Amino acid sequence: MTVYIVPFLSVLVGIGVALLLKPTGKKSLKLLLAFSGAFLLSLTVLHLLPEVYEATLHAGGHEGHDHGHEHGGGHTVGIFIMAGIIFQIILEYFSQGAEHGHVHNHGHHHGMPWLLFISLCIHALLEGMPVSHHPDLAWGIGIHHFPIAIILTAFFVNSGMKKIPVLLFMTAFAAMTPLGTLLSGQLTVVEEYYPYISAVVVGILFHISSTIIFESGEDHKFNLAKLLSIGLGVVLAYYL
């Protein structure tokens, strides 16, 4: 149950922090983003990526004999990872970078930003799919979603949206990652193509986490506090 609860609760807690505490310290949020980006990137590189290559090689039946030209080999994994990176860039075109806390206030609006909503939900749904095979990733996604939920909730409220639509929007977003985990464990088609779906998700996580790390500092500069936050994220991910 932890794999479902952690990503869901992290968003709900983020919503509560944004609505009740109304944090104004941008520096603290940026350090939290830097930590979450490093943690997520480390989980991806140290745990998810090696498993994706191993699972894909087994699926292709070319263990130890693949030279990068057969389906199921390392070459194919790389293609799907790049596809994930490109797909995330496309999603961010519609979401304006909300997945990594990069939102812009273009004035007051009262309607639901549907393109942003759909893009975020697709992103969160795909993020949840590898969690069924890699439970530790639930913590990475949860830590990643917590500051994003704070930033998004505050952004929507400050943009003039009423609190009920904001709560519905963010709760739906919170449910997407657990839903992706559930579908991954239940649908045969997802299980059959799991290594390739996971490779796409690796690409998505690569892009998201690296963008968070480089955008979480003022003028994209690294300072001591940010370096310590990133180092802490890497160390914790290593010991998971």
C-alpha atoms as a PDB file:
ATOM      1  CA  MET A   1       0.000   0.000   0.000  1.00  0.00           C
ATOM      2  CA  THR A   2       2.959   2.333   0.552  1.00  0.00           C
ATOM      3  CA  VAL A   3       3.525   2.666  -3.196  1.00  0.00           C
ATOM      4  CA  TYR A   4       0.017   4.125  -3.536  1.00  0.00           C
ATOM      5  CA  ILE A   5      -0.127   6.184  -0.347  1.00  0.00           C
ATOM      6  CA  VAL A   6       3.221   8.016  -0.486  1.00  0.00           C
ATOM      7  CA  PRO A   7       2.796   9.785  -3.877  1.00  0.00           C
ATOM      8  CA  PHE A   8      -0.860  10.576  -3.110  1.00  0.00           C
ATOM      9  CA  LEU A   9      -0.270  11.952   0.389  1.00  0.00           C
ATOM     10  CA  SER A  10       2.754  13.998  -0.684  1.00  0.00           C
ATOM     11  CA  VAL A  11       0.538  16.065  -2.981  1.00  0.00           C
ATOM     12  CA  LEU A  12      -2.228  16.403  -0.368  1.00  0.00           C
ATOM     13  CA  VAL A  13       0.297  17.588   2.232  1.00  0.00           C
ATOM     14  CA  GLY A  14       1.705  20.042  -0.325  1.00  0.00           C
ATOM     15  CA  ILE A  15      -1.801  21.402  -0.940  1.00  0.00           C
ATOM     16  CA  GLY A  16      -2.332  21.813   2.807  1.00  0.00           C
ATOM     17  CA  VAL A  17       0.992  23.613   3.246  1.00  0.00           C
ATOM     18  CA  ALA A  18       0.175  26.003   0.393  1.00  0.00           C
ATOM     19  CA  LEU A  19      -3.348  26.807   1.620  1.00  0.00           C
ATOM     20  CA  LEU A  20      -2.744  26.913   5.377  1.00  0.00           C
ATOM     21  CA  LEU A  21       0.845  28.082   5.821  1.00  0.00           C
ATOM     22  CA  LYS A  22       1.103  30.100   2.589  1.00  0.00           C
ATOM     23  CA  PRO A  23       4.904  29.874   2.420  1.00  0.00           C
ATOM     24  CA  THR A  24       6.641  32.864   0.881  1.00  0.00           C
ATOM     25  CA  GLY A  25      10.267  31.742   1.172  1.00  0.00           C
ATOM     26  CA  LYS A  26      11.280  31.033  -2.428  1.00  0.00           C
ATOM     27  CA  LYS A  27      14.788  30.068  -1.351  1.00  0.00           C
ATOM     28  CA  SER A  28      13.529  27.229   0.848  1.00  0.00           C
ATOM     29  CA  LEU A  29      11.303  25.908  -1.925  1.00  0.00           C
ATOM     30  CA  LYS A  30      14.191  26.028  -4.395  1.00  0.00           C
ATOM     31  CA  LEU A  31      16.425  24.078  -2.027  1.00  0.00           C
ATOM     32  CA  LEU A  32      13.639  21.525  -1.577  1.00  0.00           C
ATOM     33  CA  LEU A  33      13.287  21.310  -5.349  1.00  0.00           C
ATOM     34  CA  ALA A  34      17.055  20.820  -5.727  1.00  0.00           C
ATOM     35  CA  PHE A  35      16.971  18.008  -3.153  1.00  0.00           C
ATOM     36  CA  SER A  36      13.963  16.344  -4.821  1.00  0.00           C
ATOM     37  CA  GLY A  37      15.550  16.617  -8.277  1.00  0.00           C
ATOM     38  CA  ALA A  38      18.822  15.073  -7.098  1.00  0.00           C
ATOM     39  CA  PHE A  39      16.993  12.328  -5.200  1.00  0.00           C
ATOM     40  CA  LEU A  40      14.821  11.461  -8.200  1.00  0.00           C
ATOM     41  CA  LEU A  41      17.748  11.566 -10.645  1.00  0.00           C
ATOM     42  CA  SER A  42      19.855   9.338  -8.386  1.00  0.00           C
ATOM     43  CA  LEU A  43      17.050   6.802  -7.991  1.00  0.00           C
ATOM     44  CA  THR A  44      16.685   6.735 -11.761  1.00  0.00           C
ATOM     45  CA  VAL A  45      20.398   6.322 -12.496  1.00  0.00           C
ATOM     46  CA  LEU A  46      21.317   3.976  -9.634  1.00  0.00           C
ATOM     47  CA  HIS A  47      18.257   1.722  -9.589  1.00  0.00           C
ATOM     48  CA  LEU A  48      15.736   2.135 -12.388  1.00  0.00           C
ATOM     49  CA  LEU A  49      18.098   2.530 -15.355  1.00  0.00           C
ATOM     50  CA  PRO A  50      20.182  -0.643 -14.736  1.00  0.00           C
ATOM     51  CA  GLU A  51      16.994  -2.664 -14.234  1.00  0.00           C
ATOM     52  CA  VAL A  52      15.520  -1.327 -17.476  1.00  0.00           C
ATOM     53  CA  TYR A  53      18.589  -2.402 -19.458  1.00  0.00           C
ATOM     54  CA  GLU A  54      18.659  -5.806 -17.786  1.00  0.00           C
ATOM     55  CA  ALA A  55      14.922  -6.407 -18.279  1.00  0.00           C
ATOM     56  CA  THR A  56      15.060  -5.304 -21.914  1.00  0.00           C
ATOM     57  CA  LEU A  57      17.997  -7.571 -22.673  1.00  0.00           C
ATOM     58  CA  HIS A  58      16.153 -10.518 -21.122  1.00  0.00           C
ATOM     59  CA  ALA A  59      12.997  -9.616 -23.046  1.00  0.00           C
ATOM     60  CA  GLY A  60      14.932  -9.564 -26.283  1.00  0.00           C
ATOM     61  CA  GLY A  61      16.638 -12.864 -25.601  1.00  0.00           C
ATOM     62  CA  HIS A  62      20.072 -11.508 -26.521  1.00  0.00           C
ATOM     63  CA  GLU A  63      21.836 -11.627 -23.153  1.00  0.00           C
ATOM     64  CA  GLY A  64      25.491 -11.023 -23.682  1.00  0.00           C
ATOM     65  CA  HIS A  65      25.210 -11.213 -27.481  1.00  0.00           C
ATOM     66  CA  ASP A  66      23.504  -7.973 -28.356  1.00  0.00           C
ATOM     67  CA  HIS A  67      25.626  -5.483 -30.243  1.00  0.00           C
ATOM     68  CA  GLY A  68      23.079  -2.679 -30.312  1.00  0.00           C
ATOM     69  CA  HIS A  69      21.243  -3.688 -33.494  1.00  0.00           C
ATOM     70  CA  GLU A  70      18.617  -6.141 -32.312  1.00  0.00           C
ATOM     71  CA  HIS A  71      15.247  -5.365 -30.792  1.00  0.00           C
ATOM     72  CA  GLY A  72      15.390  -5.605 -27.007  1.00  0.00           C
ATOM     73  CA  GLY A  73      19.062  -4.597 -26.813  1.00  0.00           C
ATOM     74  CA  GLY A  74      20.823  -1.564 -25.397  1.00  0.00           C
ATOM     75  CA  HIS A  75      20.378   0.380 -28.619  1.00  0.00           C
ATOM     76  CA  THR A  76      16.611  -0.003 -28.379  1.00  0.00           C
ATOM     77  CA  VAL A  77      16.600   1.074 -24.721  1.00  0.00           C
ATOM     78  CA  GLY A  78      18.440   4.254 -25.699  1.00  0.00           C
ATOM     79  CA  ILE A  79      15.852   5.024 -28.371  1.00  0.00           C
ATOM     80  CA  PHE A  80      12.993   4.688 -25.880  1.00  0.00           C
ATOM     81  CA  ILE A  81      14.830   6.819 -23.313  1.00  0.00           C
ATOM     82  CA  MET A  82      15.299   9.556 -25.907  1.00  0.00           C
ATOM     83  CA  ALA A  83      11.633   9.189 -26.850  1.00  0.00           C
ATOM     84  CA  GLY A  84      10.768   9.822 -23.191  1.00  0.00           C
ATOM     85  CA  ILE A  85      12.895  12.967 -23.119  1.00  0.00           C
ATOM     86  CA  ILE A  86      11.276  14.293 -26.286  1.00  0.00           C
ATOM     87  CA  PHE A  87       7.788  13.350 -25.059  1.00  0.00           C
ATOM     88  CA  GLN A  88       8.383  15.251 -21.806  1.00  0.00           C
ATOM     89  CA  ILE A  89       9.521  18.313 -23.764  1.00  0.00           C
ATOM     90  CA  ILE A  90       6.250  18.133 -25.713  1.00  0.00           C
ATOM     91  CA  LEU A  91       4.251  17.845 -22.476  1.00  0.00           C
ATOM     92  CA  GLU A  92       6.069  20.864 -21.071  1.00  0.00           C
ATOM     93  CA  TYR A  93       5.091  22.881 -24.120  1.00  0.00           C
ATOM     94  CA  PHE A  94       1.494  22.569 -22.924  1.00  0.00           C
ATOM     95  CA  SER A  95       2.124  22.571 -19.157  1.00  0.00           C
ATOM     96  CA  GLN A  96       4.579  25.509 -19.247  1.00  0.00           C
ATOM     97  CA  GLY A  97       7.064  23.524 -17.154  1.00  0.00           C
ATOM     98  CA  ALA A  98       4.734  23.029 -14.194  1.00  0.00           C
ATOM     99  CA  GLU A  99       6.212  19.528 -13.635  1.00  0.00           C
ATOM    100  CA  HIS A 100       9.351  21.116 -12.227  1.00  0.00           C
ATOM    101  CA  GLY A 101       7.772  24.109 -10.510  1.00  0.00           C
ATOM    102  CA  HIS A 102       8.353  26.536 -13.355  1.00  0.00           C
ATOM    103  CA  VAL A 103       5.061  28.406 -13.645  1.00  0.00           C
ATOM    104  CA  HIS A 104       4.257  31.912 -14.833  1.00  0.00           C
ATOM    105  CA  ASN A 105       1.413  34.112 -13.703  1.00  0.00           C
ATOM    106  CA  HIS A 106      -0.119  35.721 -16.771  1.00  0.00           C
ATOM    107  CA  GLY A 107      -2.844  37.546 -14.871  1.00  0.00           C
ATOM    108  CA  HIS A 108      -6.050  36.436 -13.202  1.00  0.00           C
ATOM    109  CA  HIS A 109      -8.137  33.702 -14.754  1.00  0.00           C
ATOM    110  CA  HIS A 110     -11.050  31.764 -13.350  1.00  0.00           C
ATOM    111  CA  GLY A 111     -11.283  28.876 -15.801  1.00  0.00           C
ATOM    112  CA  MET A 112      -9.576  25.530 -15.572  1.00  0.00           C
ATOM    113  CA  PRO A 113      -6.247  25.459 -17.480  1.00  0.00           C
ATOM    114  CA  TRP A 114      -7.108  22.215 -19.251  1.00  0.00           C
ATOM    115  CA  LEU A 115      -3.915  21.811 -21.285  1.00  0.00           C
ATOM    116  CA  LEU A 116      -1.814  22.160 -18.152  1.00  0.00           C
ATOM    117  CA  PHE A 117      -4.124  19.749 -16.298  1.00  0.00           C
ATOM    118  CA  ILE A 118      -4.010  17.056 -19.006  1.00  0.00           C
ATOM    119  CA  SER A 119      -0.230  17.368 -19.456  1.00  0.00           C
ATOM    120  CA  LEU A 120       0.419  17.075 -15.720  1.00  0.00           C
ATOM    121  CA  CYS A 121      -1.885  14.066 -15.407  1.00  0.00           C
ATOM    122  CA  ILE A 122      -0.209  12.226 -18.307  1.00  0.00           C
ATOM    123  CA  HIS A 123       3.184  12.972 -16.770  1.00  0.00           C
ATOM    124  CA  ALA A 124       2.146  11.739 -13.308  1.00  0.00           C
ATOM    125  CA  LEU A 125       0.403   8.642 -14.708  1.00  0.00           C
ATOM    126  CA  LEU A 126       3.524   7.530 -16.598  1.00  0.00           C
ATOM    127  CA  GLU A 127       5.730   8.240 -13.570  1.00  0.00           C
ATOM    128  CA  GLY A 128       3.732   5.738 -11.558  1.00  0.00           C
ATOM    129  CA  MET A 129       4.141   2.788 -13.900  1.00  0.00           C
ATOM    130  CA  PRO A 130       7.660   1.662 -12.865  1.00  0.00           C
ATOM    131  CA  VAL A 131       6.689   1.906  -9.184  1.00  0.00           C
ATOM    132  CA  SER A 132       4.927  -1.476  -9.296  1.00  0.00           C
ATOM    133  CA  HIS A 133       8.311  -3.099 -10.021  1.00  0.00           C
ATOM    134  CA  HIS A 134      10.439  -0.600  -8.110  1.00  0.00           C
ATOM    135  CA  PRO A 135       8.675   0.449  -4.864  1.00  0.00           C
ATOM    136  CA  ASP A 136      11.515   2.755  -3.749  1.00  0.00           C
ATOM    137  CA  LEU A 137      10.654   5.039  -6.650  1.00  0.00           C
ATOM    138  CA  ALA A 138       7.403   5.937  -4.853  1.00  0.00           C
ATOM    139  CA  TRP A 139       9.478   7.892  -2.320  1.00  0.00           C
ATOM    140  CA  GLY A 140      11.339   9.717  -5.081  1.00  0.00           C
ATOM    141  CA  ILE A 141       8.121  10.698  -6.827  1.00  0.00           C
ATOM    142  CA  GLY A 142       6.540  11.673  -3.513  1.00  0.00           C
ATOM    143  CA  ILE A 143       9.453  13.957  -2.622  1.00  0.00           C
ATOM    144  CA  HIS A 144       9.358  15.332  -6.168  1.00  0.00           C
ATOM    145  CA  HIS A 145       5.603  16.053  -6.060  1.00  0.00           C
ATOM    146  CA  PHE A 146       5.577  17.702  -2.614  1.00  0.00           C
ATOM    147  CA  PRO A 147       7.203  21.056  -3.554  1.00  0.00           C
ATOM    148  CA  ILE A 148       5.480  20.966  -6.961  1.00  0.00           C
ATOM    149  CA  ALA A 149       2.101  20.700  -5.182  1.00  0.00           C
ATOM    150  CA  ILE A 150       2.955  23.704  -2.992  1.00  0.00           C
ATOM    151  CA  ILE A 151       4.021  25.816  -5.954  1.00  0.00           C
ATOM    152  CA  LEU A 152       1.096  24.823  -8.185  1.00  0.00           C
ATOM    153  CA  THR A 153      -1.550  25.294  -5.492  1.00  0.00           C
ATOM    154  CA  ALA A 154      -0.215  28.740  -4.587  1.00  0.00           C
ATOM    155  CA  PHE A 155      -0.010  29.645  -8.280  1.00  0.00           C
ATOM    156  CA  PHE A 156      -3.619  28.661  -8.995  1.00  0.00           C
ATOM    157  CA  VAL A 157      -4.978  30.452  -5.933  1.00  0.00           C
ATOM    158  CA  ASN A 158      -2.965  33.594  -6.675  1.00  0.00           C
ATOM    159  CA  SER A 159      -4.174  33.471 -10.285  1.00  0.00           C
ATOM    160  CA  GLY A 160      -7.765  33.904  -9.166  1.00  0.00           C
ATOM    161  CA  MET A 161      -9.055  30.331  -9.341  1.00  0.00           C
ATOM    162  CA  LYS A 162     -11.560  29.346  -6.676  1.00  0.00           C
ATOM    163  CA  LYS A 163     -10.353  26.905  -4.041  1.00  0.00           C
ATOM    164  CA  ILE A 164     -12.805  24.089  -4.885  1.00  0.00           C
ATOM    165  CA  PRO A 165     -11.603  23.731  -8.532  1.00  0.00           C
ATOM    166  CA  VAL A 166      -8.005  23.984  -7.294  1.00  0.00           C
ATOM    167  CA  LEU A 167      -8.596  21.183  -4.776  1.00  0.00           C
ATOM    168  CA  LEU A 168     -10.273  19.006  -7.418  1.00  0.00           C
ATOM    169  CA  PHE A 169      -7.459  19.697  -9.893  1.00  0.00           C
ATOM    170  CA  MET A 170      -4.703  18.883  -7.412  1.00  0.00           C
ATOM    171  CA  THR A 171      -6.463  15.817  -5.999  1.00  0.00           C
ATOM    172  CA  ALA A 172      -6.834  14.406  -9.523  1.00  0.00           C
ATOM    173  CA  PHE A 173      -3.127  15.095 -10.072  1.00  0.00           C
ATOM    174  CA  ALA A 174      -2.339  13.309  -6.777  1.00  0.00           C
ATOM    175  CA  ALA A 175      -4.309  10.245  -7.910  1.00  0.00           C
ATOM    176  CA  MET A 176      -2.545   9.868 -11.260  1.00  0.00           C
ATOM    177  CA  THR A 177       0.711   8.327 -10.016  1.00  0.00           C
ATOM    178  CA  PRO A 178      -1.026   5.666  -7.858  1.00  0.00           C
ATOM    179  CA  LEU A 179      -3.318   4.991 -10.831  1.00  0.00           C
ATOM    180  CA  GLY A 180      -0.285   4.439 -13.071  1.00  0.00           C
ATOM    181  CA  THR A 181       1.138   2.008 -10.512  1.00  0.00           C
ATOM    182  CA  LEU A 182      -2.178   0.155 -10.339  1.00  0.00           C
ATOM    183  CA  LEU A 183      -2.532  -0.082 -14.135  1.00  0.00           C
ATOM    184  CA  SER A 184       1.048  -1.298 -14.476  1.00  0.00           C
ATOM    185  CA  GLY A 185       0.321  -4.184 -12.127  1.00  0.00           C
ATOM    186  CA  GLN A 186      -3.077  -5.077 -13.592  1.00  0.00           C
ATOM    187  CA  LEU A 187      -2.975  -4.583 -17.369  1.00  0.00           C
ATOM    188  CA  THR A 188      -1.379  -7.386 -19.379  1.00  0.00           C
ATOM    189  CA  VAL A 189      -0.378  -5.061 -22.219  1.00  0.00           C
ATOM    190  CA  VAL A 190       1.538  -2.825 -19.795  1.00  0.00           C
ATOM    191  CA  GLU A 191       3.270  -5.830 -18.252  1.00  0.00           C
ATOM    192  CA  GLU A 192       4.193  -7.176 -21.692  1.00  0.00           C
ATOM    193  CA  TYR A 193       5.850  -3.946 -22.777  1.00  0.00           C
ATOM    194  CA  TYR A 194       6.971  -2.881 -19.304  1.00  0.00           C
ATOM    195  CA  PRO A 195      10.737  -2.609 -20.094  1.00  0.00           C
ATOM    196  CA  TYR A 196      10.058  -0.224 -22.969  1.00  0.00           C
ATOM    197  CA  ILE A 197       7.487   1.810 -21.031  1.00  0.00           C
ATOM    198  CA  SER A 198       9.996   2.056 -18.186  1.00  0.00           C
ATOM    199  CA  ALA A 199      12.665   3.248 -20.622  1.00  0.00           C
ATOM    200  CA  VAL A 200      10.320   6.053 -21.709  1.00  0.00           C
ATOM    201  CA  VAL A 201       9.746   6.944 -18.043  1.00  0.00           C
ATOM    202  CA  VAL A 202      13.525   6.968 -17.458  1.00  0.00           C
ATOM    203  CA  GLY A 203      13.791   9.591 -20.211  1.00  0.00           C
ATOM    204  CA  ILE A 204      10.984  11.608 -18.614  1.00  0.00           C
ATOM    205  CA  LEU A 205      12.641  11.444 -15.185  1.00  0.00           C
ATOM    206  CA  PHE A 206      16.045  12.331 -16.632  1.00  0.00           C
ATOM    207  CA  HIS A 207      14.653  15.483 -18.193  1.00  0.00           C
ATOM    208  CA  ILE A 208      12.518  16.489 -15.209  1.00  0.00           C
ATOM    209  CA  SER A 209      15.138  15.905 -12.514  1.00  0.00           C
ATOM    210  CA  SER A 210      18.020  17.531 -14.393  1.00  0.00           C
ATOM    211  CA  THR A 211      15.846  20.548 -15.222  1.00  0.00           C
ATOM    212  CA  ILE A 212      14.852  20.881 -11.564  1.00  0.00           C
ATOM    213  CA  ILE A 213      18.493  20.809 -10.464  1.00  0.00           C
ATOM    214  CA  PHE A 214      19.588  23.517 -12.902  1.00  0.00           C
ATOM    215  CA  GLU A 215      16.527  25.731 -12.476  1.00  0.00           C
ATOM    216  CA  SER A 216      16.371  25.675  -8.681  1.00  0.00           C
ATOM    217  CA  GLY A 217      19.143  28.243  -8.204  1.00  0.00           C
ATOM    218  CA  GLU A 218      19.196  31.972  -8.745  1.00  0.00           C
ATOM    219  CA  ASP A 219      20.530  32.746 -12.220  1.00  0.00           C
ATOM    220  CA  HIS A 220      21.291  29.007 -12.548  1.00  0.00           C
ATOM    221  CA  LYS A 221      24.261  29.370 -10.170  1.00  0.00           C
ATOM    222  CA  PHE A 222      25.282  26.712  -7.658  1.00  0.00           C
ATOM    223  CA  ASN A 223      25.757  27.806  -4.044  1.00  0.00           C
ATOM    224  CA  LEU A 224      26.784  25.858  -0.950  1.00  0.00           C
ATOM    225  CA  ALA A 225      23.226  25.289   0.326  1.00  0.00           C
ATOM    226  CA  LYS A 226      22.127  23.983  -3.050  1.00  0.00           C
ATOM    227  CA  LEU A 227      25.167  21.710  -3.343  1.00  0.00           C
ATOM    228  CA  LEU A 228      24.461  20.273   0.110  1.00  0.00           C
ATOM    229  CA  SER A 229      20.806  19.700  -0.825  1.00  0.00           C
ATOM    230  CA  ILE A 230      21.826  17.891  -4.006  1.00  0.00           C
ATOM    231  CA  GLY A 231      24.464  15.846  -2.155  1.00  0.00           C
ATOM    232  CA  LEU A 232      21.932  14.816   0.484  1.00  0.00           C
ATOM    233  CA  GLY A 233      19.505  13.706  -2.222  1.00  0.00           C
ATOM    234  CA  VAL A 234      22.170  11.586  -3.918  1.00  0.00           C
ATOM    235  CA  VAL A 235      23.290   9.934  -0.664  1.00  0.00           C
ATOM    236  CA  LEU A 236      19.761   9.077   0.464  1.00  0.00           C
ATOM    237  CA  ALA A 237      18.916   7.622  -2.941  1.00  0.00           C
ATOM    238  CA  TYR A 238      22.065   5.477  -2.856  1.00  0.00           C
ATOM    239  CA  TYR A 239      21.092   3.882   0.463  1.00  0.00           C
ATOM    240  CA  LEU A 240      17.484   3.165  -0.472  1.00  0.00           C
END
